[in-house]
Protein backbone atom coordinates (compact mmCIF):
# COMPACT_ATOMS: atom_id res chain seq x y z
CA MET A 1 0.09 0.03 -0.01
CA SER A 2 1.51 3.38 -0.97
CA ILE A 3 -0.04 6.42 0.48
CA TYR A 4 1.40 9.93 -0.23
CA ARG A 5 0.58 12.75 2.27
CA TYR A 6 0.80 16.23 0.64
CA SER A 7 -0.99 17.89 3.59
CA ASP A 8 -3.19 17.34 6.54
CA SER A 9 -6.12 17.53 3.99
CA LEU A 10 -4.78 15.74 0.93
CA TYR A 11 -3.52 12.35 0.18
CA LEU A 12 -2.59 10.46 -3.05
CA ILE A 13 -3.32 6.66 -3.00
CA ASP A 14 -1.44 4.63 -5.45
CA LEU A 15 -3.55 1.84 -7.12
CA PRO A 16 -1.12 -0.64 -8.51
CA GLN A 17 -2.44 -3.20 -10.95
CA LYS A 18 -1.62 -6.89 -11.73
CA ILE A 19 -0.02 -5.70 -14.95
CA PRO A 20 3.64 -5.35 -15.33
CA GLY A 21 4.74 -1.53 -15.04
CA PHE A 22 1.35 -0.40 -13.64
CA ARG A 23 2.65 1.11 -10.51
CA ASN A 24 2.79 4.71 -9.49
CA PHE A 25 0.54 5.18 -12.53
CA ILE A 26 -3.20 4.77 -11.66
CA SER A 27 -4.14 6.72 -8.43
CA SER A 28 -7.06 8.12 -6.26
CA TRP A 29 -6.99 11.36 -4.25
CA ILE A 30 -8.76 11.88 -1.07
CA TYR A 31 -9.29 15.50 0.39
CA PHE A 32 -10.61 16.35 3.75
CA GLY A 33 -12.42 19.64 4.28
CA GLU A 34 -15.93 20.61 5.18
CA LYS A 35 -16.73 17.81 2.79
CA THR A 36 -14.75 14.70 2.13
CA PHE A 37 -14.03 14.25 -1.61
CA LEU A 38 -12.56 11.31 -3.37
CA VAL A 39 -11.40 11.95 -6.98
CA ASP A 40 -11.38 8.91 -9.27
CA PRO A 41 -11.63 5.59 -7.39
CA GLY A 42 -9.91 3.75 -10.17
CA PRO A 43 -10.83 0.25 -11.46
CA LYS A 44 -12.88 -2.37 -9.76
CA ASN A 45 -9.86 -4.80 -9.19
CA SER A 46 -8.06 -2.31 -6.92
CA ILE A 47 -10.95 -1.21 -4.83
CA GLU A 48 -9.90 -3.40 -2.08
CA VAL A 49 -6.50 -1.66 -1.83
CA LEU A 50 -8.41 1.63 -2.12
CA ILE A 51 -10.72 0.68 0.91
CA GLU A 52 -7.85 -0.43 3.11
CA SER A 53 -5.93 2.86 2.19
CA LEU A 54 -8.98 5.03 3.12
CA LYS A 55 -9.08 3.41 6.46
CA GLU A 56 -5.43 4.00 6.97
CA VAL A 57 -6.00 7.73 6.38
CA GLY A 58 -8.98 7.86 8.54
CA ALA A 59 -11.62 8.27 5.76
CA ASP A 60 -14.79 6.55 7.38
CA ARG A 61 -17.12 8.73 5.43
CA ILE A 62 -16.96 10.15 1.83
CA ASP A 63 -19.39 12.95 0.77
CA TYR A 64 -18.64 13.06 -2.87
CA VAL A 65 -16.98 10.86 -5.40
CA LEU A 66 -15.80 13.14 -8.18
CA LEU A 67 -15.04 11.48 -11.51
CA THR A 68 -12.84 13.27 -14.08
CA HIS A 69 -14.22 10.94 -16.71
CA ILE A 70 -15.51 7.54 -17.11
CA HIS A 71 -12.76 5.55 -18.59
CA ILE A 72 -12.30 2.26 -16.84
CA ASP A 73 -8.99 3.20 -15.10
CA HIS A 74 -10.40 6.11 -13.51
CA ALA A 75 -14.14 5.20 -12.83
CA GLY A 76 -14.61 1.40 -13.40
CA GLY A 77 -14.67 0.70 -9.65
CA THR A 78 -17.22 3.36 -8.67
CA GLY A 79 -20.13 1.08 -8.23
CA GLU A 80 -18.02 -1.19 -6.09
CA LEU A 81 -16.71 1.57 -3.89
CA LEU A 82 -20.26 2.73 -3.29
CA LYS A 83 -21.22 -0.47 -1.56
CA HIS A 84 -18.87 0.63 1.33
CA PHE A 85 -19.86 4.33 1.55
CA LYS A 86 -23.61 4.49 1.53
CA ASP A 87 -23.91 8.26 1.79
CA ALA A 88 -21.51 9.08 -0.89
CA ARG A 89 -22.82 10.97 -4.13
CA VAL A 90 -21.20 10.79 -7.45
CA VAL A 91 -20.51 13.77 -9.62
CA VAL A 92 -19.69 13.06 -13.24
CA ASN A 93 -20.26 14.93 -16.45
CA GLU A 94 -23.78 14.37 -17.79
CA ARG A 95 -22.53 12.49 -20.75
CA GLY A 96 -21.17 9.88 -18.42
CA VAL A 97 -24.21 9.07 -16.29
CA GLU A 98 -26.10 6.78 -18.37
CA HIS A 99 -22.96 4.73 -19.20
CA LEU A 100 -22.39 4.16 -15.46
CA ILE A 101 -25.99 3.47 -14.64
CA ASN A 102 -25.99 0.83 -17.47
CA PRO A 103 -22.20 0.06 -18.24
CA GLU A 104 -22.55 -2.44 -20.72
CA ARG A 105 -21.52 -0.42 -23.67
CA LEU A 106 -18.85 1.16 -21.62
CA TRP A 107 -17.43 -2.38 -20.72
CA LYS A 108 -17.76 -3.57 -24.38
CA GLY A 109 -15.95 -0.65 -25.63
CA SER A 110 -13.19 -1.12 -22.90
CA LEU A 111 -12.74 -4.65 -24.03
CA LYS A 112 -12.53 -3.53 -27.61
CA VAL A 113 -9.89 -0.93 -27.00
CA LEU A 114 -7.91 -2.36 -24.16
CA GLY A 115 -8.58 -6.34 -24.46
CA ASP A 116 -6.88 -8.16 -21.60
CA MET A 117 -5.96 -4.97 -19.86
CA ALA A 118 -9.87 -4.20 -19.40
CA ARG A 119 -10.22 -7.69 -18.04
CA SER A 120 -7.29 -7.08 -15.59
CA TYR A 121 -9.06 -3.95 -14.51
CA GLY A 122 -12.24 -5.74 -13.74
CA GLU A 123 -15.65 -5.54 -15.09
CA ILE A 124 -17.58 -2.28 -14.38
CA VAL A 125 -20.21 -2.47 -11.52
CA PRO A 126 -23.53 -0.30 -12.24
CA VAL A 127 -24.07 2.74 -10.26
CA ASP A 128 -27.67 3.26 -9.22
CA ALA A 129 -29.30 6.43 -10.53
CA SER A 130 -30.17 7.73 -7.09
CA ARG A 131 -26.32 8.19 -6.23
CA PHE A 132 -25.79 10.91 -8.59
CA ALA A 133 -25.43 14.53 -7.79
CA LYS A 134 -25.19 17.47 -10.45
CA ASP A 135 -22.66 19.40 -8.37
CA ALA A 136 -20.62 19.13 -5.12
CA GLU A 137 -20.78 21.49 -2.34
CA GLY A 138 -17.25 22.90 -2.06
CA ALA A 139 -16.02 21.84 -5.53
CA GLU A 140 -15.92 24.05 -8.57
CA ILE A 141 -16.44 22.02 -11.79
CA ILE A 142 -14.58 22.93 -14.99
CA TYR A 143 -15.53 21.20 -18.29
CA THR A 144 -12.29 20.09 -19.97
CA PRO A 145 -12.93 17.79 -22.89
CA GLY A 146 -9.90 16.87 -25.04
CA HIS A 147 -8.71 13.66 -23.54
CA ALA A 148 -12.42 12.58 -23.49
CA VAL A 149 -15.83 14.41 -24.41
CA HIS A 150 -16.96 13.57 -20.88
CA HIS A 151 -13.76 15.01 -18.93
CA GLN A 152 -14.19 17.57 -16.31
CA SER A 153 -11.72 18.92 -13.74
CA TYR A 154 -12.44 20.12 -10.11
CA VAL A 155 -11.13 22.92 -7.99
CA ILE A 156 -11.22 22.47 -4.35
CA ASP A 157 -9.53 25.27 -2.11
CA ASP A 158 -5.86 25.34 -3.37
CA TYR A 159 -5.86 22.14 -5.55
CA LEU A 160 -6.81 21.69 -9.32
CA PHE A 161 -7.65 18.08 -9.97
CA ALA A 162 -6.99 17.91 -13.70
CA GLY A 163 -7.40 14.25 -14.43
CA GLU A 164 -5.77 13.74 -17.88
CA ALA A 165 -6.68 17.15 -19.23
CA LEU A 166 -2.89 18.19 -18.78
CA GLY A 167 -1.64 14.90 -19.79
CA VAL A 168 0.37 12.29 -17.86
CA TYR A 169 2.96 13.51 -15.35
CA HIS A 170 5.79 11.93 -13.33
CA LYS A 171 8.31 13.59 -11.16
CA PHE A 172 11.48 11.61 -10.32
CA ASP A 173 15.12 12.32 -9.48
CA GLY A 174 14.25 15.98 -9.75
CA LEU A 175 13.07 15.58 -13.29
CA VAL A 176 9.70 15.79 -14.91
CA TYR A 177 8.44 13.26 -17.50
CA HIS A 178 5.32 14.69 -19.12
CA ARG A 179 3.38 13.39 -22.19
CA PRO A 180 0.10 14.03 -23.70
CA ALA A 181 -2.88 11.80 -23.31
CA THR A 182 -4.71 11.96 -26.53
CA PRO A 183 -6.38 8.95 -27.53
CA PRO A 184 -8.93 8.89 -30.32
CA LYS A 185 -11.07 10.65 -30.81
CA PHE A 186 -8.85 13.67 -30.53
CA VAL A 187 -9.33 17.28 -31.58
CA TYR A 188 -6.53 19.70 -31.02
CA GLU A 189 -8.70 22.81 -30.73
CA ILE A 190 -10.95 21.29 -28.07
CA ALA A 191 -7.94 20.11 -26.19
CA ASN A 192 -6.38 23.48 -26.31
CA THR A 193 -9.40 25.36 -25.24
CA SER A 194 -9.44 23.21 -22.09
CA ILE A 195 -5.88 24.16 -21.50
CA GLN A 196 -6.80 27.85 -21.85
CA LYS A 197 -9.65 27.25 -19.16
CA LEU A 198 -7.17 25.74 -16.85
CA LYS A 199 -4.73 28.73 -17.05
CA ASN A 200 -7.48 30.55 -14.74
CA TYR A 201 -6.32 28.13 -12.04
CA GLN A 202 -2.68 28.18 -12.56
CA ASP A 203 -1.98 29.38 -9.16
CA ARG A 204 -3.45 26.05 -7.71
CA ASN A 205 -1.44 22.82 -6.95
CA ILE A 206 -2.08 20.53 -9.88
CA CYS A 207 -3.20 17.03 -8.93
CA PHE A 208 -2.86 14.61 -11.86
CA GLY A 209 -4.62 11.40 -12.45
CA HIS A 210 -1.40 9.84 -13.62
CA PHE A 211 0.55 10.76 -11.27
CA GLY A 212 1.33 13.08 -8.53
CA LEU A 213 1.20 16.68 -7.67
CA SER A 214 2.98 19.92 -9.06
CA LYS A 215 3.13 23.16 -6.96
CA ASP A 216 4.18 24.99 -10.03
CA GLY A 217 0.90 25.25 -11.93
CA ALA A 218 1.72 28.00 -14.18
CA ARG A 219 4.98 26.47 -15.47
CA VAL A 220 3.31 22.94 -16.01
CA ILE A 221 0.33 24.34 -17.90
CA SER A 222 2.45 26.51 -20.14
CA ASP A 223 4.84 23.65 -20.77
CA TYR A 224 2.02 21.29 -21.66
CA GLU A 225 0.47 23.85 -23.85
CA LYS A 226 3.77 24.03 -26.03
CA GLN A 227 4.36 20.33 -25.79
CA LEU A 228 0.82 19.39 -27.19
CA LYS A 229 1.24 21.90 -30.01
CA MET A 230 4.67 20.63 -30.85
CA TRP A 231 3.54 16.87 -30.89
CA VAL A 232 0.52 17.72 -33.21
CA GLN A 233 2.91 19.55 -35.55
CA THR A 234 5.44 16.65 -35.38
CA VAL A 235 2.62 14.19 -36.28
CA GLU A 236 1.46 16.40 -39.25
CA ASP A 237 5.00 16.95 -40.46
CA ALA A 238 5.56 13.15 -40.45
CA VAL A 239 2.35 12.61 -42.46
CA ASN A 240 3.40 14.96 -45.00
CA GLU A 241 6.71 13.52 -45.32
CA THR A 242 5.99 9.66 -45.15
CA GLY A 243 2.30 9.33 -46.34
CA GLU A 244 -0.59 8.14 -44.36
CA ASN A 245 0.63 4.75 -43.27
CA PHE A 246 0.24 4.93 -39.42
CA GLU A 247 3.33 2.64 -38.56
CA SER A 248 5.58 4.68 -40.65
CA VAL A 249 4.38 7.91 -39.01
CA LEU A 250 4.65 6.45 -35.69
CA GLU A 251 8.35 5.43 -36.26
CA VAL A 252 9.17 8.96 -37.49
CA VAL A 253 7.47 10.71 -34.79
CA SER A 254 8.81 8.54 -32.05
CA LYS A 255 12.50 9.09 -33.18
CA ARG A 256 11.99 12.85 -33.68
CA LEU A 257 10.27 13.38 -30.20
CA MET A 258 12.94 11.52 -28.50
CA LYS A 259 15.40 14.23 -29.83
CA THR A 260 13.17 17.43 -29.60
CA ASP A 261 11.21 16.94 -26.47
CA SER A 262 13.45 16.90 -23.33
CA SER A 263 10.69 15.91 -20.94
CA PHE A 264 9.40 13.00 -22.95
CA SER A 265 13.00 11.70 -23.65
CA LEU A 266 13.11 10.79 -20.01
CA PHE A 267 11.27 7.57 -21.27
CA ARG A 268 14.67 6.18 -21.55
CA LYS A 269 15.24 6.28 -17.70
CA PHE A 270 12.37 4.14 -16.94
CA ASP A 271 12.72 0.26 -16.32
CA GLU A 272 11.64 -2.10 -19.07
CA GLU A 273 8.14 -2.80 -17.65
CA ILE A 274 7.29 1.01 -17.43
CA ARG A 275 8.83 1.52 -20.91
CA LYS A 276 6.57 -0.94 -22.27
CA ARG A 277 3.46 0.57 -20.56
CA GLU A 278 4.35 4.02 -21.71
CA MET A 279 5.09 2.95 -25.27
CA TYR A 280 1.44 1.57 -25.38
CA PHE A 281 -0.09 4.63 -24.34
CA PHE A 282 2.36 6.79 -26.43
CA LYS A 283 1.30 4.92 -29.46
CA ASN A 284 -2.47 5.55 -28.68
CA ALA A 285 -1.82 9.20 -28.17
CA ILE A 286 -0.04 9.49 -31.54
CA LEU A 287 -2.96 7.61 -33.00
CA GLY A 288 -5.29 10.17 -31.87
CA MET A 289 -3.30 12.92 -33.30
CA TYR A 290 -2.72 11.01 -36.49
CA GLN A 291 -6.44 10.62 -37.11
CA TYR A 292 -6.84 14.39 -36.25
CA VAL A 293 -4.29 15.26 -38.96
CA ILE A 294 -5.85 12.76 -41.45
CA GLU A 295 -9.27 14.21 -41.09
CA LYS A 296 -8.04 17.82 -41.48
CA ARG A 297 -6.65 16.84 -44.90
CA ILE A 298 -9.95 15.55 -46.23
């Protein structure tokens, strides 16, 4: 059990999965204030770990479960968690409510995209319609599509819970690894609009879904804005140079970004298992950008 204490009010709970390299990657945040908030409970198969960790930090009650989006690694365990917290209400973008009440389509979609990874996360447990709330007392909701159409971020006091609206973030050995999280269907203009919204909260501490906290919100948001623009341009250049074969584009983009993006190039410092995990999600991110570029050409 790995629990990271950032203040008397805020804890990050690591939710390791039974997949090689999936440690310090999926997480849940617990915030204690006038209300107790839990952000993104993660997938079903790590709910037991989450429950034990919540006992460890003294969370005997949760007022609100805030979902940044309904992807299985963030929200798949919500129904299971609610069995243990009878008074908790769930806040999610309106586009996600029906998918959580009846998760059959969401589960089938997860299986189609993730395959065995989805099976390892665990099947999605339905959430009763009575458990949803439109908003949460003490939390500001910001609609931030880009990673997903149903993505939203939350501001509570000095913290911005950004989910994946600002990509994936890891800090280690004093260095920052940062990469976009742009699976299909990705639209650059929509993602960039979300970034501009979050600039209004750049004085907050940024809490990432994957993984950790940054106290330098202004720097992180600015760097991510530039990085996302550069990646999209790199994909567009590769398509123009090599044609529309995705594997050829991926090869060119991968080599080029390893040279031009000093943050992403820290990929080389990870162990083999984490590199394999990151390459899987890197390919998915580039696929989203590639499809965006191709659609622009039509």
